[in-house]
Amino acid sequence: MEALAKDCEFVNLRGVHPPLKDADKIKFVEEIQRSESDYKQLGEKYAKFFKK
């Protein structure tokens, strides 16, 4: 992870940052865990925008 960070990549290991100005100030946001019913509900909600 450190080698990737040194190559200006962002990695998901706390405390390991790329050598970019203020990279350590970027906040990590954890992914929301969704259930099967959550996806079904979201699919119904947004279907009108994406279905032809």
N, C-alpha and C. Protein backbone atom coordinates (compact mmCIF):
# COMPACT_ATOMS: atom_id res chain seq x y z
N MET A 1 0.82 -1.18 0.00
CA MET A 1 0.00 0.00 0.00
C MET A 1 0.88 1.26 0.00
N GLU A 2 1.96 1.20 0.71
CA GLU A 2 2.85 2.37 0.75
C GLU A 2 3.46 2.64 -0.63
N ALA A 3 3.80 1.58 -1.35
CA ALA A 3 4.37 1.76 -2.69
C ALA A 3 3.35 2.40 -3.63
N LEU A 4 2.09 1.97 -3.53
CA LEU A 4 1.05 2.58 -4.36
C LEU A 4 0.85 4.05 -3.98
N ALA A 5 0.84 4.33 -2.69
CA ALA A 5 0.66 5.71 -2.23
C ALA A 5 1.80 6.60 -2.71
N LYS A 6 3.01 6.08 -2.70
CA LYS A 6 4.16 6.88 -3.17
C LYS A 6 4.04 7.20 -4.65
N ASP A 7 3.27 6.37 -5.38
CA ASP A 7 3.05 6.58 -6.81
C ASP A 7 1.80 7.44 -7.04
N CYS A 8 1.41 8.20 -6.01
CA CYS A 8 0.28 9.14 -6.06
C CYS A 8 -1.08 8.46 -6.20
N GLU A 9 -1.19 7.24 -5.70
CA GLU A 9 -2.48 6.55 -5.67
C GLU A 9 -3.07 6.69 -4.28
N PHE A 10 -4.38 6.77 -4.20
CA PHE A 10 -5.04 6.76 -2.90
C PHE A 10 -5.35 5.31 -2.53
N VAL A 11 -4.97 4.92 -1.34
CA VAL A 11 -5.18 3.55 -0.87
C VAL A 11 -6.11 3.57 0.33
N ASN A 12 -6.71 2.41 0.63
CA ASN A 12 -7.67 2.35 1.72
C ASN A 12 -7.04 1.86 3.02
N LEU A 13 -5.89 2.37 3.33
CA LEU A 13 -5.20 2.04 4.58
C LEU A 13 -5.01 3.35 5.34
N ARG A 14 -5.64 3.42 6.50
CA ARG A 14 -5.58 4.66 7.28
C ARG A 14 -4.13 5.03 7.58
N GLY A 15 -3.83 6.31 7.43
CA GLY A 15 -2.50 6.82 7.73
C GLY A 15 -1.52 6.74 6.58
N VAL A 16 -1.91 6.13 5.47
CA VAL A 16 -1.04 6.03 4.30
C VAL A 16 -1.62 6.94 3.22
N HIS A 17 -0.87 8.00 2.89
CA HIS A 17 -1.36 9.01 1.95
C HIS A 17 -0.35 9.22 0.83
N PRO A 18 -0.85 9.60 -0.35
CA PRO A 18 0.07 9.93 -1.44
C PRO A 18 0.79 11.24 -1.14
N PRO A 19 1.92 11.46 -1.79
CA PRO A 19 2.69 12.68 -1.53
C PRO A 19 2.09 13.90 -2.24
N LEU A 20 0.84 14.18 -1.96
CA LEU A 20 0.16 15.33 -2.53
C LEU A 20 -0.20 16.30 -1.40
N LYS A 21 -0.15 17.57 -1.69
CA LYS A 21 -0.45 18.58 -0.68
C LYS A 21 -1.85 18.36 -0.10
N ASP A 22 -1.94 18.33 1.21
CA ASP A 22 -3.19 18.20 1.96
C ASP A 22 -3.92 16.88 1.73
N ALA A 23 -3.26 15.86 1.22
CA ALA A 23 -3.91 14.57 1.01
C ALA A 23 -4.38 13.97 2.33
N ASP A 24 -3.70 14.29 3.41
CA ASP A 24 -4.09 13.75 4.71
C ASP A 24 -5.36 14.40 5.25
N LYS A 25 -5.83 15.47 4.63
CA LYS A 25 -7.05 16.14 5.07
C LYS A 25 -8.31 15.57 4.43
N ILE A 26 -8.13 14.72 3.43
CA ILE A 26 -9.28 14.11 2.76
C ILE A 26 -9.89 13.09 3.70
N LYS A 27 -11.19 13.18 3.88
CA LYS A 27 -11.89 12.29 4.81
C LYS A 27 -12.30 11.01 4.11
N PHE A 28 -12.13 9.91 4.80
CA PHE A 28 -12.53 8.59 4.32
C PHE A 28 -14.01 8.39 4.62
N VAL A 29 -14.78 7.97 3.62
CA VAL A 29 -16.20 7.72 3.81
C VAL A 29 -16.44 6.24 3.59
N GLU A 30 -16.97 5.59 4.60
CA GLU A 30 -17.22 4.16 4.49
C GLU A 30 -18.43 3.90 3.58
N GLU A 31 -18.36 2.79 2.88
CA GLU A 31 -19.45 2.40 2.00
C GLU A 31 -20.66 1.99 2.82
N ILE A 32 -21.83 2.37 2.36
CA ILE A 32 -23.07 1.99 3.04
C ILE A 32 -23.39 0.54 2.65
N GLN A 33 -23.64 -0.28 3.63
CA GLN A 33 -24.04 -1.65 3.36
C GLN A 33 -25.55 -1.70 3.13
N ARG A 34 -25.95 -2.17 1.98
CA ARG A 34 -27.38 -2.22 1.64
C ARG A 34 -27.84 -3.67 1.54
N SER A 35 -29.09 -3.90 1.90
CA SER A 35 -29.67 -5.23 1.82
C SER A 35 -30.33 -5.41 0.45
N GLU A 36 -30.75 -6.61 0.18
CA GLU A 36 -31.42 -6.93 -1.08
C GLU A 36 -32.71 -6.10 -1.23
N SER A 37 -33.44 -5.93 -0.13
CA SER A 37 -34.68 -5.14 -0.19
C SER A 37 -34.38 -3.66 -0.41
N ASP A 38 -33.25 -3.18 0.10
CA ASP A 38 -32.85 -1.79 -0.14
C ASP A 38 -32.63 -1.55 -1.63
N TYR A 39 -31.93 -2.50 -2.29
CA TYR A 39 -31.67 -2.36 -3.71
C TYR A 39 -32.96 -2.42 -4.52
N LYS A 40 -33.87 -3.28 -4.10
CA LYS A 40 -35.15 -3.39 -4.80
C LYS A 40 -35.92 -2.08 -4.68
N GLN A 41 -35.95 -1.52 -3.49
CA GLN A 41 -36.66 -0.27 -3.25
C GLN A 41 -36.03 0.87 -4.06
N LEU A 42 -34.71 0.95 -4.09
CA LEU A 42 -34.03 1.98 -4.87
C LEU A 42 -34.27 1.79 -6.36
N GLY A 43 -34.29 0.52 -6.80
CA GLY A 43 -34.55 0.23 -8.21
C GLY A 43 -35.92 0.71 -8.64
N GLU A 44 -36.92 0.51 -7.78
CA GLU A 44 -38.28 0.97 -8.09
C GLU A 44 -38.33 2.50 -8.09
N LYS A 45 -37.62 3.10 -7.18
CA LYS A 45 -37.62 4.57 -7.06
C LYS A 45 -37.01 5.23 -8.29
N TYR A 46 -35.90 4.69 -8.79
CA TYR A 46 -35.19 5.32 -9.90
C TYR A 46 -35.51 4.71 -11.27
N ALA A 47 -36.36 3.71 -11.33
CA ALA A 47 -36.68 3.06 -12.60
C ALA A 47 -37.24 4.03 -13.62
N LYS A 48 -38.05 4.97 -13.16
CA LYS A 48 -38.68 5.91 -14.12
C LYS A 48 -37.64 6.78 -14.82
N PHE A 49 -36.47 6.95 -14.23
CA PHE A 49 -35.44 7.79 -14.85
C PHE A 49 -34.58 7.01 -15.84
N PHE A 50 -34.47 5.70 -15.65
CA PHE A 50 -33.51 4.92 -16.44
C PHE A 50 -34.14 3.94 -17.41
N LYS A 51 -35.42 3.63 -17.26
CA LYS A 51 -36.07 2.70 -18.19
C LYS A 51 -36.67 3.48 -19.35
N LYS A 52 -36.63 2.86 -20.52
CA LYS A 52 -37.18 3.52 -21.71
C LYS A 52 -38.60 3.05 -21.96
